[in-house]
Amino acid sequence: MITLNKEKIFLYSDLLIVACLCLLIFCLPFAKAGVETFTFTIFFLWILKRTFGYSSQTLWGLLPKTGLNLALLLYTIANAISVIFSARWGLSLRGFFGKELKFLFVYFMLVEVVSNKKRMLCVLTALITSAVFIMVDAGVQLFTKTDFLRGYSIVDQSFRASFDTSSGFAAWLIVIIPIFLGIIAVNLFPLLKIKILLWLAVIIQFMYLLRTYSRGAWLGFLIAILFMMFYFIKNFTLRLKIISLTAGVCLLSVVLFLPSFLSPQFKYDILTKLKLDQGIHSRIKSIPQITQGSNFERIRLWKDSLRIIKDYPLTGCGLNNYTVVARNYKSFAAGGGSYPHNSYLQKAAEIGILGLFAFLFVFFSLFRTGILYLRKNMNYLVLGLLAGILAFLIQAFFDTHFYSLQLVVLFWYMVGLTMVAIRLGSTRNQLS
């Protein structure tokens, strides 16, 4: 009779889950099928562990204990209530089990299995490798007008690499760049050559971000960098703080206003060839324009979503129901049943105002945990992860990233990594 060693089963299952998590984050920017496959494999391995008696010591042994459990429970309950009162049960049930619970599951698996520095390094290495791969892909797109991973072309001079839209590529970049900065600052890879390569990657990623022409991403990234700078300089002397702030203002001024003072020949040789001058300045100038263009359409979409919220204030029209219900609220012909280009308004329309508050409570709990930790331990990796999440949340106000498979998985993945980094930083496995 064969005797099964449960501890070995748990160990091998964890190692396989870590491998799947690494493969998931690697293929996330360019393979939606890979995201689905590896998520399903992780779920199967989780069932295997529980079948053999693994207990995580919370929620009946099903899920690990984290600082966000209460907030996530309230958010899940809000989603469940929206399903009960849904306009279309089938769509809501599909969204509840096939989207919301699946995304949260990725978060819990990261917290459960990335239990030491070695596993964390494996995940971060996979993330860095994926980022380099996408940078090469975007570079190919720059010179050939088509990326080699998905065959996507540049649209209106905007980079999108292997993402469906340039806005999606921008959302990925504003999450990744602060993480790269955190990895550099925390000295996870001490070799000088690797540090130089990481800095070079940050510069290239920033140039790609400019070429996405996503104003929401630019705003999110700017606030994320200010957030990081605050913690970088908070222990400086007053003189160094003044110097740092002055240098930052000067650098921002150079980026925004220098092209206006350059000679026409220089603009043609450098800026025009890279299509940075006209694109960036035209996008900045278009920000206050609300009577025409994309801003005008976005405001009308927001008004339509507010009408839905007014009719379904508490429980919403039902999870995953927006594109169906919105067809009856369109105030203009274009757009059909399209998304409102605001993740928070869509959340409120689908799961109600109570659901939106539960959703925001998750972020409040995350940043409360993270900031309390940063007050005691200056861990730049945690800072970079929080900054990337903050940038994502800001851009989500102007787009529908919480309804994109790649981006919502990226978001919950980063939330999980943040909680892992905080836990490791509070133990002997501290990342430093």
Protein backbone atom coordinates (compact mmCIF):
# COMPACT_ATOMS: atom_id res chain seq x y z
CA MET A 1 0.00 0.00 0.00
CA ILE A 2 1.41 3.37 -1.04
CA THR A 3 1.60 5.97 1.72
CA LEU A 4 1.24 9.54 0.52
CA ASN A 5 3.45 12.16 2.11
CA LYS A 6 1.13 15.15 2.46
CA GLU A 7 3.93 17.60 3.20
CA LYS A 8 5.65 16.71 -0.06
CA ILE A 9 2.38 17.08 -1.94
CA PHE A 10 1.91 20.53 -0.40
CA LEU A 11 5.52 21.48 -1.22
CA TYR A 12 5.40 20.31 -4.83
CA SER A 13 1.99 21.90 -5.32
CA ASP A 14 3.34 25.20 -4.04
CA LEU A 15 6.35 25.00 -6.34
CA LEU A 16 4.11 24.29 -9.31
CA ILE A 17 1.83 27.18 -8.34
CA VAL A 18 4.85 29.51 -8.12
CA ALA A 19 5.93 28.33 -11.58
CA CYS A 20 2.43 28.99 -12.95
CA LEU A 21 2.38 32.43 -11.33
CA CYS A 22 5.71 33.23 -12.99
CA LEU A 23 4.44 32.02 -16.36
CA LEU A 24 1.21 33.98 -15.87
CA ILE A 25 2.94 37.31 -15.27
CA PHE A 26 5.37 36.60 -18.11
CA CYS A 27 2.72 35.93 -20.76
CA LEU A 28 0.14 38.41 -19.42
CA PRO A 29 0.97 41.28 -21.84
CA PHE A 30 0.67 39.20 -24.99
CA ALA A 31 -1.26 35.94 -24.39
CA LYS A 32 -4.77 36.08 -22.93
CA ALA A 33 -5.10 32.33 -23.44
CA GLY A 34 -2.00 31.84 -21.31
CA VAL A 35 -3.52 33.91 -18.51
CA GLU A 36 -6.64 31.74 -18.55
CA THR A 37 -4.66 28.49 -18.75
CA PHE A 38 -2.28 29.22 -15.91
CA THR A 39 -5.06 30.61 -13.71
CA PHE A 40 -7.04 27.39 -14.22
CA THR A 41 -3.93 25.28 -13.46
CA ILE A 42 -3.35 27.22 -10.24
CA PHE A 43 -6.97 26.61 -9.25
CA PHE A 44 -6.57 22.86 -9.89
CA LEU A 45 -3.43 22.72 -7.73
CA TRP A 46 -5.21 24.66 -4.98
CA ILE A 47 -8.01 22.07 -4.98
CA LEU A 48 -5.40 19.30 -4.83
CA LYS A 49 -3.81 20.84 -1.73
CA ARG A 50 -7.15 21.22 0.06
CA THR A 51 -8.19 17.69 -0.91
CA PHE A 52 -5.17 16.35 0.95
CA GLY A 53 -6.00 18.39 4.03
CA TYR A 54 -4.07 21.63 3.67
CA SER A 55 -5.41 24.40 5.93
CA SER A 56 -4.51 28.07 5.71
CA GLN A 57 -5.83 28.73 9.23
CA THR A 58 -8.55 31.16 8.12
CA LEU A 59 -11.89 31.20 6.31
CA TRP A 60 -12.42 27.52 7.08
CA GLY A 61 -8.94 26.71 5.85
CA LEU A 62 -9.73 27.74 2.28
CA LEU A 63 -7.91 31.03 1.89
CA PRO A 64 -4.83 32.55 3.54
CA LYS A 65 -5.11 35.31 6.11
CA THR A 66 -4.26 38.76 4.76
CA GLY A 67 -4.82 42.33 5.83
CA LEU A 68 -7.41 42.76 3.09
CA ASN A 69 -9.69 39.82 3.91
CA LEU A 70 -12.46 41.88 5.49
CA ALA A 71 -12.51 44.41 2.67
CA LEU A 72 -12.46 41.67 0.04
CA LEU A 73 -15.26 39.82 1.82
CA LEU A 74 -17.45 42.94 1.77
CA TYR A 75 -16.64 43.48 -1.89
CA THR A 76 -17.52 39.86 -2.71
CA ILE A 77 -20.81 40.14 -0.81
CA ALA A 78 -21.63 43.32 -2.78
CA ASN A 79 -21.00 41.45 -6.03
CA ALA A 80 -23.16 38.55 -4.88
CA ILE A 81 -26.03 40.90 -4.00
CA SER A 82 -25.79 42.51 -7.44
CA VAL A 83 -26.14 39.05 -8.97
CA ILE A 84 -29.34 38.42 -6.98
CA PHE A 85 -30.92 41.66 -8.21
CA SER A 86 -29.39 41.45 -11.68
CA ALA A 87 -31.27 42.34 -14.84
CA ARG A 88 -29.74 39.23 -16.43
CA TRP A 89 -28.74 36.41 -14.09
CA GLY A 90 -26.77 34.48 -16.68
CA LEU A 91 -24.41 37.34 -17.43
CA SER A 92 -23.99 38.17 -13.76
CA LEU A 93 -23.23 34.61 -12.70
CA ARG A 94 -20.68 34.36 -15.48
CA GLY A 95 -19.08 37.61 -14.34
CA PHE A 96 -19.12 36.58 -10.67
CA PHE A 97 -17.48 33.17 -11.04
CA GLY A 98 -15.59 33.67 -14.29
CA LYS A 99 -14.17 37.09 -13.52
CA GLU A 100 -14.40 38.55 -10.01
CA LEU A 101 -13.72 35.39 -7.99
CA LYS A 102 -11.05 34.27 -10.44
CA PHE A 103 -9.18 37.57 -10.19
CA LEU A 104 -9.33 37.56 -6.39
CA PHE A 105 -8.11 33.97 -6.43
CA VAL A 106 -4.86 35.08 -8.12
CA TYR A 107 -4.32 37.52 -5.25
CA PHE A 108 -4.81 34.86 -2.57
CA MET A 109 -2.53 32.35 -4.30
CA LEU A 110 0.31 34.86 -4.45
CA VAL A 111 -0.03 35.55 -0.74
CA GLU A 112 -0.19 31.84 0.06
CA VAL A 113 2.74 30.44 -1.93
CA VAL A 114 5.25 33.30 -2.30
CA SER A 115 6.42 32.70 1.24
CA ASN A 116 10.13 33.53 1.07
CA LYS A 117 12.63 35.79 -0.65
CA LYS A 118 13.71 33.15 -3.16
CA ARG A 119 10.18 32.71 -4.50
CA MET A 120 9.68 36.46 -4.58
CA LEU A 121 12.84 36.82 -6.66
CA CYS A 122 11.54 34.18 -9.08
CA VAL A 123 8.31 36.12 -9.58
CA LEU A 124 10.13 39.45 -10.00
CA THR A 125 12.57 37.87 -12.46
CA ALA A 126 9.64 36.62 -14.54
CA LEU A 127 8.12 40.11 -14.45
CA ILE A 128 11.38 41.73 -15.53
CA THR A 129 11.87 39.18 -18.31
CA SER A 130 8.37 39.83 -19.57
CA ALA A 131 8.96 43.58 -19.49
CA VAL A 132 12.15 43.25 -21.54
CA PHE A 133 10.30 41.04 -24.02
CA ILE A 134 7.56 43.66 -24.44
CA MET A 135 10.13 46.45 -24.75
CA VAL A 136 11.72 44.59 -27.67
CA ASP A 137 8.29 44.02 -29.18
CA ALA A 138 7.46 47.74 -28.90
CA GLY A 139 10.83 48.56 -30.45
CA VAL A 140 10.04 46.34 -33.42
CA GLN A 141 6.68 48.10 -33.68
CA LEU A 142 8.50 51.45 -33.79
CA PHE A 143 10.64 50.54 -36.77
CA THR A 144 8.35 48.15 -38.68
CA LYS A 145 4.98 49.66 -37.62
CA THR A 146 3.85 46.18 -36.49
CA ASP A 147 4.69 44.21 -33.33
CA PHE A 148 5.93 40.63 -33.78
CA LEU A 149 3.88 39.06 -30.95
CA ARG A 150 0.33 39.90 -32.00
CA GLY A 151 0.77 41.59 -35.35
CA TYR A 152 -0.73 44.85 -34.04
CA SER A 153 0.00 48.06 -35.92
CA ILE A 154 0.60 51.54 -34.55
CA VAL A 155 -2.70 53.44 -34.47
CA ASP A 156 -2.63 57.25 -34.85
CA GLN A 157 1.12 57.16 -34.08
CA SER A 158 0.37 55.68 -30.62
CA PHE A 159 2.35 52.73 -29.34
CA ARG A 160 0.41 49.72 -28.07
CA ALA A 161 2.94 46.88 -28.41
CA SER A 162 1.03 43.60 -27.87
CA PHE A 163 -1.95 45.24 -26.13
CA ASP A 164 -5.32 45.85 -27.74
CA THR A 165 -5.03 49.61 -27.21
CA SER A 166 -2.33 52.17 -26.50
CA SER A 167 -4.19 53.02 -23.28
CA GLY A 168 -3.82 49.40 -22.17
CA PHE A 169 -0.09 49.49 -22.93
CA ALA A 170 0.16 52.74 -20.96
CA ALA A 171 -1.61 51.16 -17.98
CA TRP A 172 0.89 48.31 -17.98
CA LEU A 173 3.82 50.73 -18.21
CA ILE A 174 2.73 52.95 -15.30
CA VAL A 175 2.55 49.85 -13.11
CA ILE A 176 5.87 48.38 -14.26
CA ILE A 177 8.07 51.51 -14.21
CA PRO A 178 7.64 52.25 -10.45
CA ILE A 179 8.29 48.57 -9.71
CA PHE A 180 11.55 48.75 -11.66
CA LEU A 181 12.50 51.86 -9.67
CA GLY A 182 11.69 50.04 -6.43
CA ILE A 183 13.75 47.00 -7.47
CA ILE A 184 16.72 49.25 -8.25
CA ALA A 185 16.42 51.17 -4.97
CA VAL A 186 16.02 48.07 -2.81
CA ASN A 187 19.13 46.54 -4.42
CA LEU A 188 17.57 43.15 -5.16
CA PHE A 189 20.06 42.69 -7.99
CA PRO A 190 23.35 44.12 -6.66
CA LEU A 191 25.46 43.62 -9.81
CA LEU A 192 26.29 46.97 -11.40
CA LYS A 193 25.65 45.71 -14.92
CA ILE A 194 22.14 44.62 -13.99
CA LYS A 195 21.43 47.96 -12.33
CA ILE A 196 22.56 49.83 -15.45
CA LEU A 197 20.32 47.64 -17.60
CA LEU A 198 17.38 48.23 -15.27
CA TRP A 199 17.88 52.00 -15.46
CA LEU A 200 18.11 51.78 -19.24
CA ALA A 201 14.86 49.81 -19.23
CA VAL A 202 13.17 52.53 -17.14
CA ILE A 203 14.25 55.22 -19.62
CA ILE A 204 13.00 53.22 -22.59
CA GLN A 205 9.71 52.43 -20.86
CA PHE A 206 9.22 56.12 -20.09
CA MET A 207 9.76 57.00 -23.76
CA TYR A 208 7.18 54.37 -24.71
CA LEU A 209 4.78 55.85 -22.16
CA LEU A 210 5.09 59.23 -23.85
CA ARG A 211 4.35 57.64 -27.20
CA THR A 212 1.12 56.06 -25.96
CA TYR A 213 -0.33 59.59 -25.77
CA SER A 214 -2.55 58.49 -22.88
CA ARG A 215 -3.31 61.57 -20.79
CA GLY A 216 -4.85 59.55 -17.96
CA ALA A 217 -1.72 57.41 -17.77
CA TRP A 218 0.50 60.48 -17.76
CA LEU A 219 -1.46 61.94 -14.87
CA GLY A 220 -1.38 58.66 -12.95
CA PHE A 221 2.34 58.27 -13.54
CA LEU A 222 3.08 61.84 -12.44
CA ILE A 223 1.18 61.37 -9.16
CA ALA A 224 2.85 57.99 -8.60
CA ILE A 225 6.31 59.53 -9.03
CA LEU A 226 5.42 62.36 -6.64
CA PHE A 227 4.24 59.71 -4.17
CA MET A 228 7.59 57.92 -4.46
CA MET A 229 9.57 61.16 -4.24
CA PHE A 230 7.83 62.07 -1.00
CA TYR A 231 9.16 58.94 0.66
CA PHE A 232 12.56 59.23 -1.00
CA ILE A 233 13.17 62.76 0.34
CA LYS A 234 11.16 62.81 3.57
CA ASN A 235 14.30 62.08 5.65
CA PHE A 236 16.43 64.64 3.79
CA THR A 237 17.52 67.87 5.39
CA LEU A 238 15.46 70.96 4.54
CA ARG A 239 18.16 72.15 2.13
CA LEU A 240 18.22 68.85 0.25
CA LYS A 241 14.42 68.80 0.12
CA ILE A 242 14.37 72.27 -1.47
CA ILE A 243 17.07 71.27 -3.97
CA SER A 244 15.23 68.06 -4.87
CA LEU A 245 11.88 69.80 -5.33
CA THR A 246 13.47 72.55 -7.42
CA ALA A 247 15.20 69.98 -9.62
CA GLY A 248 11.91 68.13 -10.06
CA VAL A 249 10.02 71.28 -11.07
CA CYS A 250 12.79 72.21 -13.52
CA LEU A 251 12.77 68.74 -15.07
CA LEU A 252 8.99 68.82 -15.48
CA SER A 253 9.19 72.29 -17.01
CA VAL A 254 11.82 71.10 -19.47
CA VAL A 255 9.67 68.17 -20.58
CA LEU A 256 6.57 70.36 -21.01
CA PHE A 257 7.93 73.62 -22.38
CA LEU A 258 11.41 73.11 -23.89
CA PRO A 259 10.12 72.02 -27.33
CA SER A 260 8.54 75.46 -27.76
CA PHE A 261 11.98 77.13 -27.60
CA LEU A 262 13.95 74.71 -29.77
CA SER A 263 14.98 75.58 -33.29
CA PRO A 264 12.82 74.21 -36.13
CA GLN A 265 15.75 72.20 -37.48
CA PHE A 266 16.35 70.50 -34.12
CA LYS A 267 12.67 69.74 -33.80
CA TYR A 268 12.68 68.12 -37.19
CA ASP A 269 15.86 66.12 -36.61
CA ILE A 270 14.97 64.84 -33.14
CA LEU A 271 11.46 65.46 -31.87
CA THR A 272 9.50 65.28 -35.11
CA LYS A 273 11.15 62.05 -36.20
CA LEU A 274 10.24 60.51 -32.85
CA LYS A 275 6.78 62.13 -33.10
CA LEU A 276 7.07 63.40 -29.54
CA ASP A 277 6.68 67.13 -30.13
CA GLN A 278 3.36 67.43 -31.90
CA GLY A 279 1.73 64.42 -30.22
CA ILE A 280 2.56 65.29 -26.62
CA HIS A 281 1.77 68.98 -26.87
CA SER A 282 -1.46 68.46 -28.77
CA ARG A 283 -2.58 65.93 -26.16
CA ILE A 284 -1.74 68.29 -23.29
CA LYS A 285 -3.55 71.17 -25.00
CA SER A 286 -6.62 69.00 -25.49
CA ILE A 287 -7.08 68.33 -21.77
CA PRO A 288 -9.43 71.30 -21.06
CA GLN A 289 -11.42 70.77 -24.28
CA ILE A 290 -14.81 69.39 -23.23
CA THR A 291 -16.92 70.52 -26.18
CA GLN A 292 -15.31 68.31 -28.79
CA GLY A 293 -13.16 65.23 -29.30
CA SER A 294 -12.73 62.31 -26.93
CA ASN A 295 -13.32 64.45 -23.83
CA PHE A 296 -16.77 65.44 -25.09
CA GLU A 297 -17.70 61.83 -25.84
CA ARG A 298 -16.35 60.64 -22.51
CA ILE A 299 -18.43 63.19 -20.58
CA ARG A 300 -21.57 62.09 -22.41
CA LEU A 301 -20.79 58.46 -21.57
CA TRP A 302 -20.33 59.44 -17.92
CA LYS A 303 -23.71 61.17 -17.90
CA ASP A 304 -25.32 58.04 -19.33
CA SER A 305 -23.74 55.91 -16.60
CA LEU A 306 -25.00 58.34 -13.95
CA ARG A 307 -28.52 57.85 -15.30
CA ILE A 308 -28.12 54.10 -14.82
CA ILE A 309 -26.86 54.64 -11.26
CA LYS A 310 -29.86 56.85 -10.56
CA ASP A 311 -32.24 54.05 -11.62
CA TYR A 312 -30.27 51.28 -9.83
CA PRO A 313 -28.69 53.15 -6.88
CA LEU A 314 -28.04 50.49 -4.22
CA THR A 315 -27.49 47.13 -5.90
CA GLY A 316 -26.81 48.20 -9.47
CA CYS A 317 -28.14 46.78 -12.70
CA GLY A 318 -26.20 43.59 -12.18
CA LEU A 319 -22.59 42.45 -12.41
CA ASN A 320 -21.40 42.15 -16.01
CA ASN A 321 -24.60 43.79 -17.29
CA TYR A 322 -23.42 47.29 -18.21
CA THR A 323 -23.02 46.86 -21.96
CA VAL A 324 -26.53 45.38 -22.20
CA VAL A 325 -28.38 47.82 -19.94
CA ALA A 326 -26.51 50.88 -21.27
CA ARG A 327 -28.10 50.49 -24.69
CA ASN A 328 -31.33 51.86 -23.21
CA TYR A 329 -29.58 54.94 -21.80
CA LYS A 330 -27.59 56.23 -24.75
CA SER A 331 -28.03 59.96 -25.28
CA PHE A 332 -26.23 59.85 -28.63
CA ALA A 333 -26.00 57.41 -31.51
CA ALA A 334 -22.28 56.63 -31.49
CA GLY A 335 -20.91 54.04 -29.15
CA GLY A 336 -23.85 51.62 -28.91
CA GLY A 337 -23.58 49.74 -25.64
CA SER A 338 -19.93 50.70 -25.05
CA TYR A 339 -18.24 51.09 -21.70
CA PRO A 340 -18.35 54.47 -19.91
CA HIS A 341 -14.55 54.96 -19.90
CA ASN A 342 -14.60 55.24 -16.12
CA SER A 343 -14.10 52.07 -14.08
CA TYR A 344 -15.66 53.55 -10.94
CA LEU A 345 -18.85 54.72 -12.62
CA GLN A 346 -19.18 51.33 -14.25
CA LYS A 347 -18.72 49.61 -10.87
CA ALA A 348 -21.41 51.82 -9.35
CA ALA A 349 -23.74 51.13 -12.28
CA GLU A 350 -23.24 47.36 -12.08
CA ILE A 351 -22.98 46.64 -8.35
CA GLY A 352 -24.50 49.82 -6.89
CA ILE A 353 -23.15 52.62 -4.75
CA LEU A 354 -22.73 50.24 -1.81
CA GLY A 355 -20.66 47.97 -4.01
CA LEU A 356 -18.53 50.90 -5.16
CA PHE A 357 -17.82 51.84 -1.53
CA ALA A 358 -16.84 48.23 -0.83
CA PHE A 359 -14.56 48.35 -3.88
CA LEU A 360 -12.92 51.56 -2.67
CA PHE A 361 -12.60 50.13 0.85
CA VAL A 362 -10.27 47.47 -0.58
CA PHE A 363 -7.92 50.19 -1.82
CA PHE A 364 -8.22 52.13 1.41
CA SER A 365 -7.25 49.00 3.37
CA LEU A 366 -4.34 48.31 1.01
CA PHE A 367 -2.84 51.80 1.25
CA ARG A 368 -3.48 52.02 4.98
CA THR A 369 -1.55 48.77 5.45
CA GLY A 370 1.19 49.87 3.08
CA ILE A 371 1.65 53.36 4.49
CA LEU A 372 1.68 52.12 8.08
CA TYR A 373 4.38 49.66 7.06
CA LEU A 374 6.43 52.33 5.22
CA ARG A 375 6.39 54.53 8.32
CA LYS A 376 8.28 51.81 10.17
CA ASN A 377 10.26 50.22 7.35
CA MET A 378 11.49 52.12 4.29
CA ASN A 379 11.13 49.28 1.78
CA TYR A 380 11.42 50.73 -1.71
CA LEU A 381 9.97 47.64 -3.37
CA VAL A 382 6.76 48.09 -1.39
CA LEU A 383 6.86 51.78 -2.29
CA GLY A 384 7.23 50.99 -5.99
CA LEU A 385 4.39 48.48 -5.92
CA LEU A 386 2.08 50.93 -4.15
CA ALA A 387 3.03 53.71 -6.57
CA GLY A 388 2.25 51.51 -9.57
CA ILE A 389 -1.12 50.55 -8.11
CA LEU A 390 -1.86 54.22 -7.37
CA ALA A 391 -1.06 55.18 -10.97
CA PHE A 392 -3.33 52.39 -12.23
CA LEU A 393 -6.20 53.52 -10.00
CA ILE A 394 -5.91 57.09 -11.25
CA GLN A 395 -5.90 56.10 -14.92
CA ALA A 396 -8.85 53.79 -14.26
CA PHE A 397 -10.92 56.93 -13.61
CA PHE A 398 -10.59 57.70 -17.32
CA ASP A 399 -10.74 54.20 -18.75
CA THR A 400 -12.14 50.69 -18.25
CA HIS A 401 -9.05 48.81 -17.13
CA PHE A 402 -10.90 46.86 -14.46
CA TYR A 403 -12.84 45.25 -17.33
CA SER A 404 -9.81 44.17 -19.36
CA LEU A 405 -8.62 40.60 -18.69
CA GLN A 406 -4.92 41.43 -18.90
CA LEU A 407 -5.08 44.61 -16.86
CA VAL A 408 -7.39 43.47 -14.07
CA VAL A 409 -5.26 40.35 -13.56
CA LEU A 410 -2.17 42.59 -13.55
CA PHE A 411 -3.80 44.78 -10.91
CA TRP A 412 -4.71 41.98 -8.50
CA TYR A 413 -1.34 40.36 -9.12
CA MET A 414 0.39 43.57 -8.01
CA VAL A 415 -1.88 43.87 -4.97
CA GLY A 416 -0.86 40.33 -4.01
CA LEU A 417 2.83 41.10 -4.53
CA THR A 418 2.48 44.18 -2.34
CA MET A 419 1.05 42.17 0.54
CA VAL A 420 3.78 39.54 0.06
CA ALA A 421 6.52 42.20 0.11
CA ILE A 422 5.05 43.71 3.28
CA ARG A 423 4.91 40.31 4.96
CA LEU A 424 8.46 39.38 3.94
CA GLY A 425 9.72 42.80 4.99
CA SER A 426 8.24 42.23 8.45
CA THR A 427 10.04 38.90 8.94
CA ARG A 428 13.58 37.61 8.81
CA ASN A 429 13.18 37.17 5.05
CA GLN A 430 13.21 40.96 4.74
CA LEU A 431 13.84 42.22 1.21
CA SER A 432 16.73 44.63 1.48
